[in-house]
Amino acid sequence: MGRAAAGRGRGSSTGSVGAPGAPSKGARAPSGVQAAWLARGLDQAGGKLPLFDADGRRVAEKTIRACIAAGWAEPWFSNPIKPDWLVCRLTEAGRAAALASAQG
């Protein structure tokens, strides 16, 4: 349990969740695709982020994992029917990044 808690940035010296060399939380602004995905969680209950884009295509796993690594999204729960789907919600940093991107 100690290793799992340490990887969440609480008291961690890296401040980053994810691969070595990943940007620290709040260090950069999300890309256009990332910002659009994050913005879709702003008006959802609990900040739930969509699995599919506005055209019905699945959101790229690369986009989701990059947002998790940056601290803008966090895994919410596992879907037992589709275990490969990453069901996520906005973090406070993600909410701030989405709002900042929307303001331009």
N, C-alpha and C. Protein backbone atom coordinates (compact mmCIF):
# COMPACT_ATOMS: atom_id res chain seq x y z
N MET A 1 0.82 -1.19 0.00
CA MET A 1 0.00 0.00 0.00
C MET A 1 0.86 1.25 0.00
N GLY A 2 2.02 1.21 0.61
CA GLY A 2 2.87 2.39 0.68
C GLY A 2 3.31 2.88 -0.69
N ARG A 3 3.62 1.94 -1.59
CA ARG A 3 4.06 2.35 -2.92
C ARG A 3 2.93 2.97 -3.71
N ALA A 4 1.72 2.44 -3.58
CA ALA A 4 0.59 3.00 -4.32
C ALA A 4 0.29 4.41 -3.86
N ALA A 5 0.32 4.64 -2.56
CA ALA A 5 0.04 5.97 -2.04
C ALA A 5 1.13 6.96 -2.45
N ALA A 6 2.38 6.49 -2.48
CA ALA A 6 3.47 7.39 -2.84
C ALA A 6 3.36 7.85 -4.28
N GLY A 7 2.80 7.03 -5.16
CA GLY A 7 2.70 7.38 -6.56
C GLY A 7 1.63 8.39 -6.88
N ARG A 8 0.83 8.78 -5.91
CA ARG A 8 -0.26 9.71 -6.16
C ARG A 8 0.13 11.16 -5.92
N GLY A 9 1.39 11.42 -5.63
CA GLY A 9 1.82 12.80 -5.49
C GLY A 9 1.68 13.33 -4.08
N ARG A 10 1.16 12.56 -3.16
CA ARG A 10 1.05 13.01 -1.78
C ARG A 10 2.39 12.81 -1.11
N GLY A 11 3.10 13.90 -0.91
CA GLY A 11 4.40 13.80 -0.28
C GLY A 11 5.47 13.29 -1.22
N SER A 12 5.14 13.05 -2.45
CA SER A 12 6.09 12.56 -3.42
C SER A 12 6.97 13.69 -3.90
N SER A 13 8.25 13.40 -4.06
CA SER A 13 9.16 14.45 -4.52
C SER A 13 9.01 14.72 -6.00
N THR A 14 8.42 13.80 -6.75
CA THR A 14 8.30 14.00 -8.19
C THR A 14 7.11 14.87 -8.55
N GLY A 15 6.03 14.78 -7.79
CA GLY A 15 4.83 15.56 -8.09
C GLY A 15 4.14 15.11 -9.36
N SER A 16 4.51 13.94 -9.86
CA SER A 16 3.96 13.47 -11.12
C SER A 16 3.52 12.03 -11.00
N VAL A 17 2.41 11.73 -11.65
CA VAL A 17 1.95 10.35 -11.72
C VAL A 17 2.19 9.90 -13.14
N GLY A 18 2.87 8.80 -13.32
CA GLY A 18 3.08 8.32 -14.67
C GLY A 18 4.52 7.99 -14.94
N ALA A 19 4.87 8.03 -16.20
CA ALA A 19 6.20 7.63 -16.63
C ALA A 19 7.26 8.62 -16.19
N PRO A 20 8.50 8.14 -16.00
CA PRO A 20 9.58 9.06 -15.69
C PRO A 20 9.71 10.09 -16.80
N GLY A 21 9.96 11.31 -16.42
CA GLY A 21 10.07 12.38 -17.39
C GLY A 21 8.75 13.01 -17.75
N ALA A 22 7.64 12.50 -17.18
CA ALA A 22 6.33 13.09 -17.44
C ALA A 22 6.29 14.47 -16.81
N PRO A 23 5.58 15.41 -17.41
CA PRO A 23 5.53 16.75 -16.85
C PRO A 23 4.88 16.74 -15.48
N SER A 24 5.34 17.63 -14.62
CA SER A 24 4.74 17.71 -13.29
C SER A 24 3.37 18.37 -13.40
N LYS A 25 2.54 18.12 -12.41
CA LYS A 25 1.18 18.66 -12.41
C LYS A 25 1.22 20.17 -12.52
N GLY A 26 0.41 20.70 -13.42
CA GLY A 26 0.29 22.14 -13.57
C GLY A 26 1.44 22.78 -14.32
N ALA A 27 2.38 21.98 -14.85
CA ALA A 27 3.56 22.54 -15.49
C ALA A 27 3.28 23.07 -16.89
N ARG A 28 2.21 22.62 -17.52
CA ARG A 28 1.93 23.04 -18.89
C ARG A 28 0.43 23.07 -19.11
N ALA A 29 0.04 23.66 -20.21
CA ALA A 29 -1.39 23.71 -20.56
C ALA A 29 -1.72 22.49 -21.41
N PRO A 30 -2.96 22.02 -21.34
CA PRO A 30 -3.35 20.89 -22.17
C PRO A 30 -3.39 21.26 -23.65
N SER A 31 -3.18 20.27 -24.51
CA SER A 31 -3.30 20.49 -25.96
C SER A 31 -4.76 20.77 -26.27
N GLY A 32 -5.05 21.13 -27.49
CA GLY A 32 -6.43 21.41 -27.89
C GLY A 32 -7.35 20.21 -27.70
N VAL A 33 -6.87 19.03 -28.09
CA VAL A 33 -7.67 17.81 -27.94
C VAL A 33 -7.88 17.50 -26.47
N GLN A 34 -6.82 17.62 -25.68
CA GLN A 34 -6.93 17.36 -24.24
C GLN A 34 -7.87 18.35 -23.58
N ALA A 35 -7.74 19.64 -23.92
CA ALA A 35 -8.60 20.67 -23.32
C ALA A 35 -10.06 20.44 -23.67
N ALA A 36 -10.33 20.04 -24.91
CA ALA A 36 -11.71 19.77 -25.32
C ALA A 36 -12.29 18.61 -24.53
N TRP A 37 -11.50 17.56 -24.32
CA TRP A 37 -11.97 16.40 -23.55
C TRP A 37 -12.21 16.79 -22.09
N LEU A 38 -11.28 17.53 -21.52
CA LEU A 38 -11.43 17.96 -20.12
C LEU A 38 -12.65 18.86 -19.95
N ALA A 39 -12.88 19.75 -20.91
CA ALA A 39 -14.01 20.69 -20.83
C ALA A 39 -15.35 19.95 -20.81
N ARG A 40 -15.41 18.80 -21.45
CA ARG A 40 -16.67 18.05 -21.48
C ARG A 40 -17.04 17.49 -20.10
N GLY A 41 -16.09 17.45 -19.18
CA GLY A 41 -16.38 16.99 -17.83
C GLY A 41 -16.82 18.09 -16.89
N LEU A 42 -16.72 19.35 -17.34
CA LEU A 42 -17.06 20.47 -16.46
C LEU A 42 -18.51 20.48 -16.01
N ASP A 43 -19.42 20.08 -16.88
CA ASP A 43 -20.84 20.13 -16.52
C ASP A 43 -21.44 18.76 -16.22
N GLN A 44 -20.57 17.77 -16.00
CA GLN A 44 -21.04 16.42 -15.67
C GLN A 44 -20.99 16.18 -14.16
N ALA A 45 -21.89 15.38 -13.67
CA ALA A 45 -21.91 15.03 -12.25
C ALA A 45 -20.58 14.41 -11.85
N GLY A 46 -19.97 14.96 -10.82
CA GLY A 46 -18.70 14.44 -10.34
C GLY A 46 -17.53 14.69 -11.26
N GLY A 47 -17.73 15.47 -12.32
CA GLY A 47 -16.66 15.73 -13.28
C GLY A 47 -16.35 14.55 -14.17
N LYS A 48 -17.33 13.66 -14.37
CA LYS A 48 -17.11 12.46 -15.20
C LYS A 48 -16.71 12.87 -16.61
N LEU A 49 -15.65 12.25 -17.08
CA LEU A 49 -15.15 12.52 -18.42
C LEU A 49 -15.70 11.48 -19.39
N PRO A 50 -16.04 11.90 -20.61
CA PRO A 50 -16.68 10.98 -21.56
C PRO A 50 -15.71 9.94 -22.13
N LEU A 51 -16.26 8.81 -22.46
CA LEU A 51 -15.50 7.75 -23.12
C LEU A 51 -15.48 7.96 -24.63
N PHE A 52 -16.46 8.73 -25.14
CA PHE A 52 -16.61 8.95 -26.57
C PHE A 52 -16.68 10.43 -26.87
N ASP A 53 -16.20 10.83 -28.05
CA ASP A 53 -16.25 12.24 -28.44
C ASP A 53 -17.65 12.59 -28.94
N ALA A 54 -17.83 13.83 -29.35
CA ALA A 54 -19.15 14.32 -29.78
C ALA A 54 -19.66 13.59 -31.03
N ASP A 55 -18.75 12.99 -31.80
CA ASP A 55 -19.14 12.24 -33.00
C ASP A 55 -19.32 10.75 -32.75
N GLY A 56 -19.21 10.32 -31.49
CA GLY A 56 -19.40 8.92 -31.15
C GLY A 56 -18.17 8.05 -31.25
N ARG A 57 -17.02 8.66 -31.55
CA ARG A 57 -15.77 7.89 -31.60
C ARG A 57 -15.16 7.82 -30.21
N ARG A 58 -14.55 6.70 -29.90
CA ARG A 58 -13.91 6.52 -28.60
C ARG A 58 -12.76 7.52 -28.45
N VAL A 59 -12.65 8.14 -27.27
CA VAL A 59 -11.55 9.06 -26.99
C VAL A 59 -10.26 8.25 -26.96
N ALA A 60 -9.22 8.77 -27.60
CA ALA A 60 -7.95 8.04 -27.70
C ALA A 60 -7.35 7.78 -26.32
N GLU A 61 -6.90 6.55 -26.12
CA GLU A 61 -6.28 6.18 -24.84
C GLU A 61 -5.07 7.06 -24.56
N LYS A 62 -4.35 7.45 -25.61
CA LYS A 62 -3.18 8.33 -25.46
C LYS A 62 -3.59 9.66 -24.82
N THR A 63 -4.71 10.21 -25.24
CA THR A 63 -5.22 11.46 -24.68
C THR A 63 -5.56 11.28 -23.21
N ILE A 64 -6.26 10.20 -22.90
CA ILE A 64 -6.67 9.94 -21.52
C ILE A 64 -5.45 9.75 -20.62
N ARG A 65 -4.51 8.92 -21.05
CA ARG A 65 -3.32 8.65 -20.23
C ARG A 65 -2.45 9.89 -20.06
N ALA A 66 -2.36 10.74 -21.08
CA ALA A 66 -1.59 11.98 -20.95
C ALA A 66 -2.23 12.90 -19.92
N CYS A 67 -3.55 12.97 -19.90
CA CYS A 67 -4.25 13.81 -18.93
C CYS A 67 -4.11 13.25 -17.51
N ILE A 68 -4.11 11.93 -17.38
CA ILE A 68 -3.88 11.32 -16.07
C ILE A 68 -2.46 11.63 -15.60
N ALA A 69 -1.48 11.48 -16.49
CA ALA A 69 -0.08 11.73 -16.14
C ALA A 69 0.15 13.18 -15.74
N ALA A 70 -0.58 14.10 -16.37
CA ALA A 70 -0.44 15.52 -16.05
C ALA A 70 -1.19 15.91 -14.78
N GLY A 71 -2.03 15.00 -14.27
CA GLY A 71 -2.78 15.30 -13.06
C GLY A 71 -4.11 15.99 -13.31
N TRP A 72 -4.56 16.04 -14.56
CA TRP A 72 -5.82 16.71 -14.91
C TRP A 72 -7.02 15.78 -14.80
N ALA A 73 -6.78 14.48 -14.84
CA ALA A 73 -7.84 13.47 -14.73
C ALA A 73 -7.34 12.36 -13.83
N GLU A 74 -8.30 11.63 -13.26
CA GLU A 74 -7.93 10.48 -12.44
C GLU A 74 -8.90 9.34 -12.74
N PRO A 75 -8.39 8.11 -12.71
CA PRO A 75 -9.29 6.97 -12.90
C PRO A 75 -10.36 7.00 -11.81
N TRP A 76 -11.60 6.72 -12.20
CA TRP A 76 -12.71 6.81 -11.27
C TRP A 76 -13.10 5.43 -10.78
N PHE A 77 -13.38 4.53 -11.68
CA PHE A 77 -13.71 3.15 -11.30
C PHE A 77 -13.46 2.23 -12.48
N SER A 78 -13.40 0.95 -12.19
CA SER A 78 -13.20 -0.05 -13.24
C SER A 78 -14.56 -0.51 -13.75
N ASN A 79 -14.64 -0.68 -15.06
CA ASN A 79 -15.86 -1.18 -15.68
C ASN A 79 -15.70 -2.69 -15.88
N PRO A 80 -16.42 -3.51 -15.11
CA PRO A 80 -16.24 -4.96 -15.23
C PRO A 80 -16.64 -5.52 -16.60
N ILE A 81 -17.53 -4.84 -17.30
CA ILE A 81 -17.95 -5.31 -18.61
C ILE A 81 -16.91 -4.97 -19.68
N LYS A 82 -16.31 -3.80 -19.56
CA LYS A 82 -15.28 -3.34 -20.50
C LYS A 82 -14.04 -2.93 -19.70
N PRO A 83 -13.24 -3.87 -19.22
CA PRO A 83 -12.11 -3.53 -18.36
C PRO A 83 -11.04 -2.68 -19.04
N ASP A 84 -11.01 -2.64 -20.37
CA ASP A 84 -10.02 -1.82 -21.07
C ASP A 84 -10.42 -0.35 -21.16
N TRP A 85 -11.66 -0.01 -20.79
CA TRP A 85 -12.10 1.38 -20.83
C TRP A 85 -11.62 2.10 -19.58
N LEU A 86 -11.07 3.29 -19.76
CA LEU A 86 -10.61 4.11 -18.64
C LEU A 86 -11.70 5.10 -18.28
N VAL A 87 -12.45 4.81 -17.23
CA VAL A 87 -13.50 5.72 -16.77
C VAL A 87 -12.83 6.69 -15.80
N CYS A 88 -12.83 7.98 -16.18
CA CYS A 88 -12.11 8.98 -15.40
C CYS A 88 -13.00 10.15 -15.02
N ARG A 89 -12.48 10.95 -14.10
CA ARG A 89 -13.13 12.20 -13.73
C ARG A 89 -12.07 13.28 -13.62
N LEU A 90 -12.54 14.52 -13.68
CA LEU A 90 -11.64 15.67 -13.55
C LEU A 90 -11.07 15.75 -12.15
N THR A 91 -9.83 16.19 -12.06
CA THR A 91 -9.25 16.58 -10.78
C THR A 91 -9.44 18.10 -10.67
N GLU A 92 -9.12 18.66 -9.53
CA GLU A 92 -9.19 20.12 -9.40
C GLU A 92 -8.24 20.80 -10.39
N ALA A 93 -7.06 20.21 -10.59
CA ALA A 93 -6.12 20.76 -11.57
C ALA A 93 -6.69 20.67 -12.98
N GLY A 94 -7.40 19.60 -13.28
CA GLY A 94 -8.04 19.44 -14.58
C GLY A 94 -9.15 20.44 -14.80
N ARG A 95 -9.93 20.68 -13.75
CA ARG A 95 -11.00 21.68 -13.83
C ARG A 95 -10.39 23.06 -14.11
N ALA A 96 -9.32 23.39 -13.40
CA ALA A 96 -8.65 24.69 -13.61
C ALA A 96 -8.06 24.78 -15.01
N ALA A 97 -7.45 23.71 -15.49
CA ALA A 97 -6.86 23.71 -16.84
C ALA A 97 -7.93 23.86 -17.91
N ALA A 98 -9.06 23.17 -17.74
CA ALA A 98 -10.15 23.27 -18.72
C ALA A 98 -10.73 24.67 -18.74
N LEU A 99 -10.92 25.25 -17.57
CA LEU A 99 -11.46 26.62 -17.50
C LEU A 99 -10.48 27.63 -18.09
N ALA A 100 -9.20 27.47 -17.80
CA ALA A 100 -8.18 28.39 -18.33
C ALA A 100 -8.11 28.27 -19.85
N SER A 101 -8.19 27.06 -20.39
CA SER A 101 -8.16 26.87 -21.84
C SER A 101 -9.38 27.48 -22.51
N ALA A 102 -10.53 27.39 -21.85
CA ALA A 102 -11.76 27.94 -22.40
C ALA A 102 -11.72 29.46 -22.45
N GLN A 103 -11.00 30.06 -21.50
CA GLN A 103 -10.91 31.53 -21.45
C GLN A 103 -9.86 32.07 -22.41
N GLY A 104 -9.01 31.17 -22.90
CA GLY A 104 -8.12 31.54 -23.95
C GLY A 104 -6.79 31.97 -23.67
